[in-house]
């Protein structure tokens, strides 16, 4: 089975998440996909403006779904 990662940036203040961003990489296992989701989320939020993150209470959510086309 192979898996695709879709990441969402969410705001507690607005109570919603943005449209998902699909990672072009197809992961060989669910674990690989999950690790990529946490790693990429950390990298992105670390690079974001601290004031924006704190003001809007931003966080990331992601899903790893089985790639049906592989």
N, C-alpha and C. Protein backbone atom coordinates (compact mmCIF):
# COMPACT_ATOMS: atom_id res chain seq x y z
N UNK A 1 0.83 -1.18 0.00
CA UNK A 1 0.00 0.00 0.00
C UNK A 1 0.87 1.24 0.00
N UNK A 2 0.43 2.25 -0.70
CA UNK A 2 1.11 3.54 -0.71
C UNK A 2 0.15 4.60 -0.20
N UNK A 3 0.72 5.71 0.32
CA UNK A 3 -0.10 6.72 0.98
C UNK A 3 0.23 8.13 0.49
N UNK A 4 -0.80 8.97 0.46
CA UNK A 4 -0.62 10.37 0.11
C UNK A 4 -0.89 11.23 1.34
N UNK A 5 -0.14 12.32 1.44
CA UNK A 5 -0.23 13.24 2.56
C UNK A 5 -0.95 14.50 2.11
N UNK A 6 -1.96 14.90 2.86
CA UNK A 6 -2.64 16.17 2.63
C UNK A 6 -2.58 16.95 3.93
N UNK A 7 -2.05 18.19 3.83
CA UNK A 7 -1.87 19.03 5.01
C UNK A 7 -2.86 20.19 4.99
N UNK A 8 -3.31 20.56 6.19
CA UNK A 8 -4.27 21.65 6.36
C UNK A 8 -3.73 22.61 7.41
N UNK A 9 -3.77 23.91 7.12
CA UNK A 9 -3.46 24.90 8.14
C UNK A 9 -4.78 25.34 8.74
N UNK A 10 -4.84 25.33 10.07
CA UNK A 10 -6.08 25.59 10.78
C UNK A 10 -5.90 26.74 11.76
N UNK A 11 -7.01 27.38 12.10
CA UNK A 11 -7.01 28.47 13.07
C UNK A 11 -8.05 28.20 14.14
N UNK A 12 -7.62 28.21 15.38
CA UNK A 12 -8.57 28.08 16.49
C UNK A 12 -9.46 29.31 16.55
N UNK A 13 -8.90 30.49 16.27
CA UNK A 13 -9.65 31.74 16.33
C UNK A 13 -10.82 31.71 15.35
N UNK A 14 -10.58 31.26 14.13
CA UNK A 14 -11.62 31.26 13.10
C UNK A 14 -12.39 29.94 13.07
N UNK A 15 -11.91 28.94 13.80
CA UNK A 15 -12.61 27.67 13.88
C UNK A 15 -12.71 26.93 12.56
N UNK A 16 -11.66 27.04 11.76
CA UNK A 16 -11.69 26.37 10.46
C UNK A 16 -10.28 26.07 9.97
N UNK A 17 -10.24 25.19 8.99
CA UNK A 17 -8.99 24.85 8.32
C UNK A 17 -9.07 25.27 6.87
N UNK A 18 -7.93 25.59 6.29
CA UNK A 18 -7.89 25.96 4.89
C UNK A 18 -8.02 24.74 3.99
N UNK A 19 -8.01 24.99 2.71
CA UNK A 19 -8.03 23.89 1.74
C UNK A 19 -6.76 23.07 1.91
N UNK A 20 -6.88 21.80 1.74
CA UNK A 20 -5.73 20.93 1.90
C UNK A 20 -4.69 21.14 0.81
N UNK A 21 -3.44 20.93 1.18
CA UNK A 21 -2.33 20.98 0.24
C UNK A 21 -1.79 19.57 0.12
N UNK A 22 -1.87 19.01 -1.08
CA UNK A 22 -1.44 17.63 -1.31
C UNK A 22 0.06 17.60 -1.59
N UNK A 23 0.75 16.79 -0.83
CA UNK A 23 2.18 16.59 -1.03
C UNK A 23 2.36 15.74 -2.30
N UNK A 24 3.25 16.12 -3.19
CA UNK A 24 3.43 15.35 -4.42
C UNK A 24 4.11 13.99 -4.21
N UNK A 25 4.70 13.81 -3.04
CA UNK A 25 5.38 12.55 -2.75
C UNK A 25 4.36 11.48 -2.37
N UNK A 26 4.53 10.30 -2.89
CA UNK A 26 3.72 9.15 -2.48
C UNK A 26 4.59 8.31 -1.54
N UNK A 27 4.07 8.06 -0.34
CA UNK A 27 4.84 7.38 0.68
C UNK A 27 4.59 5.88 0.68
N UNK A 28 5.62 5.09 0.91
CA UNK A 28 5.47 3.62 0.83
C UNK A 28 4.68 3.01 1.98
N UNK A 29 4.66 3.70 3.14
CA UNK A 29 3.92 3.17 4.30
C UNK A 29 3.18 4.30 5.00
N UNK A 30 2.19 3.92 5.79
CA UNK A 30 1.46 4.91 6.58
C UNK A 30 2.40 5.60 7.56
N UNK A 31 3.29 4.84 8.16
CA UNK A 31 4.24 5.43 9.11
C UNK A 31 5.11 6.49 8.45
N UNK A 32 5.63 6.21 7.26
CA UNK A 32 6.44 7.19 6.54
C UNK A 32 5.64 8.46 6.26
N UNK A 33 4.39 8.29 5.88
CA UNK A 33 3.52 9.43 5.60
C UNK A 33 3.28 10.24 6.87
N UNK A 34 2.99 9.57 7.98
CA UNK A 34 2.73 10.26 9.24
C UNK A 34 3.96 11.03 9.71
N UNK A 35 5.11 10.41 9.62
CA UNK A 35 6.35 11.09 10.01
C UNK A 35 6.57 12.33 9.14
N UNK A 36 6.32 12.21 7.85
CA UNK A 36 6.45 13.36 6.94
C UNK A 36 5.47 14.46 7.33
N UNK A 37 4.25 14.09 7.70
CA UNK A 37 3.25 15.08 8.10
C UNK A 37 3.70 15.87 9.31
N UNK A 38 4.20 15.18 10.33
CA UNK A 38 4.69 15.87 11.53
C UNK A 38 5.93 16.71 11.23
N UNK A 39 6.84 16.15 10.45
CA UNK A 39 8.09 16.85 10.13
C UNK A 39 7.81 18.11 9.31
N UNK A 40 7.01 17.99 8.27
CA UNK A 40 6.71 19.14 7.41
C UNK A 40 5.92 20.20 8.18
N UNK A 41 4.99 19.76 9.03
CA UNK A 41 4.22 20.72 9.85
C UNK A 41 5.16 21.53 10.74
N UNK A 42 6.09 20.84 11.38
CA UNK A 42 7.05 21.52 12.25
C UNK A 42 7.91 22.51 11.46
N UNK A 43 8.39 22.08 10.31
CA UNK A 43 9.23 22.96 9.48
C UNK A 43 8.46 24.21 9.06
N UNK A 44 7.22 24.04 8.63
CA UNK A 44 6.44 25.18 8.13
C UNK A 44 6.09 26.13 9.27
N UNK A 45 5.57 25.60 10.38
CA UNK A 45 5.15 26.50 11.46
C UNK A 45 6.35 27.20 12.10
N UNK A 46 7.51 26.55 12.10
CA UNK A 46 8.73 27.18 12.61
C UNK A 46 9.12 28.39 11.76
N UNK A 47 8.90 28.30 10.45
CA UNK A 47 9.26 29.38 9.53
C UNK A 47 8.21 30.49 9.47
N UNK A 48 7.03 30.25 10.01
CA UNK A 48 5.95 31.24 9.94
C UNK A 48 6.20 32.37 10.93
N UNK A 49 5.56 33.50 10.66
CA UNK A 49 5.66 34.67 11.53
C UNK A 49 5.03 34.35 12.89
N UNK A 50 5.79 34.52 13.96
CA UNK A 50 5.33 34.17 15.29
C UNK A 50 4.08 34.94 15.70
N UNK A 51 4.02 36.21 15.34
CA UNK A 51 2.85 37.02 15.69
C UNK A 51 1.60 36.47 15.04
N UNK A 52 1.68 36.11 13.76
CA UNK A 52 0.52 35.55 13.06
C UNK A 52 0.08 34.22 13.67
N UNK A 53 1.05 33.37 13.98
CA UNK A 53 0.73 32.06 14.58
C UNK A 53 0.02 32.26 15.91
N UNK A 54 0.55 33.14 16.75
CA UNK A 54 -0.04 33.36 18.07
C UNK A 54 -1.38 34.09 17.99
N UNK A 55 -1.47 35.11 17.15
CA UNK A 55 -2.71 35.89 17.03
C UNK A 55 -3.86 35.03 16.53
N UNK A 56 -3.61 34.21 15.53
CA UNK A 56 -4.66 33.39 14.92
C UNK A 56 -4.72 31.97 15.48
N UNK A 57 -3.81 31.68 16.42
CA UNK A 57 -3.72 30.34 17.03
C UNK A 57 -3.71 29.26 15.95
N UNK A 58 -2.70 29.36 15.10
CA UNK A 58 -2.58 28.46 13.96
C UNK A 58 -1.97 27.12 14.35
N UNK A 59 -2.41 26.10 13.68
CA UNK A 59 -1.83 24.77 13.84
C UNK A 59 -2.04 23.99 12.56
N UNK A 60 -1.36 22.87 12.43
CA UNK A 60 -1.50 22.03 11.25
C UNK A 60 -2.22 20.75 11.57
N UNK A 61 -2.98 20.30 10.62
CA UNK A 61 -3.62 19.00 10.66
C UNK A 61 -3.24 18.31 9.36
N UNK A 62 -3.23 17.00 9.36
CA UNK A 62 -2.92 16.31 8.11
C UNK A 62 -3.59 14.95 8.09
N UNK A 63 -3.72 14.43 6.90
CA UNK A 63 -4.24 13.07 6.73
C UNK A 63 -3.30 12.29 5.83
N UNK A 64 -3.23 11.02 6.09
CA UNK A 64 -2.50 10.08 5.23
C UNK A 64 -3.55 9.09 4.72
N UNK A 65 -3.81 9.15 3.44
CA UNK A 65 -4.83 8.27 2.88
C UNK A 65 -4.21 7.32 1.88
N UNK A 66 -4.78 6.15 1.83
CA UNK A 66 -4.29 5.15 0.91
C UNK A 66 -4.43 5.65 -0.52
N UNK A 67 -3.35 5.56 -1.27
CA UNK A 67 -3.35 5.99 -2.67
C UNK A 67 -4.03 4.92 -3.49
N UNK A 68 -5.19 5.24 -4.03
CA UNK A 68 -5.96 4.24 -4.76
C UNK A 68 -5.49 4.08 -6.22
N UNK A 69 -4.71 5.02 -6.68
CA UNK A 69 -4.29 5.00 -8.08
C UNK A 69 -2.92 4.36 -8.28
N UNK A 70 -2.29 3.90 -7.22
CA UNK A 70 -0.95 3.31 -7.32
C UNK A 70 -1.07 1.78 -7.27
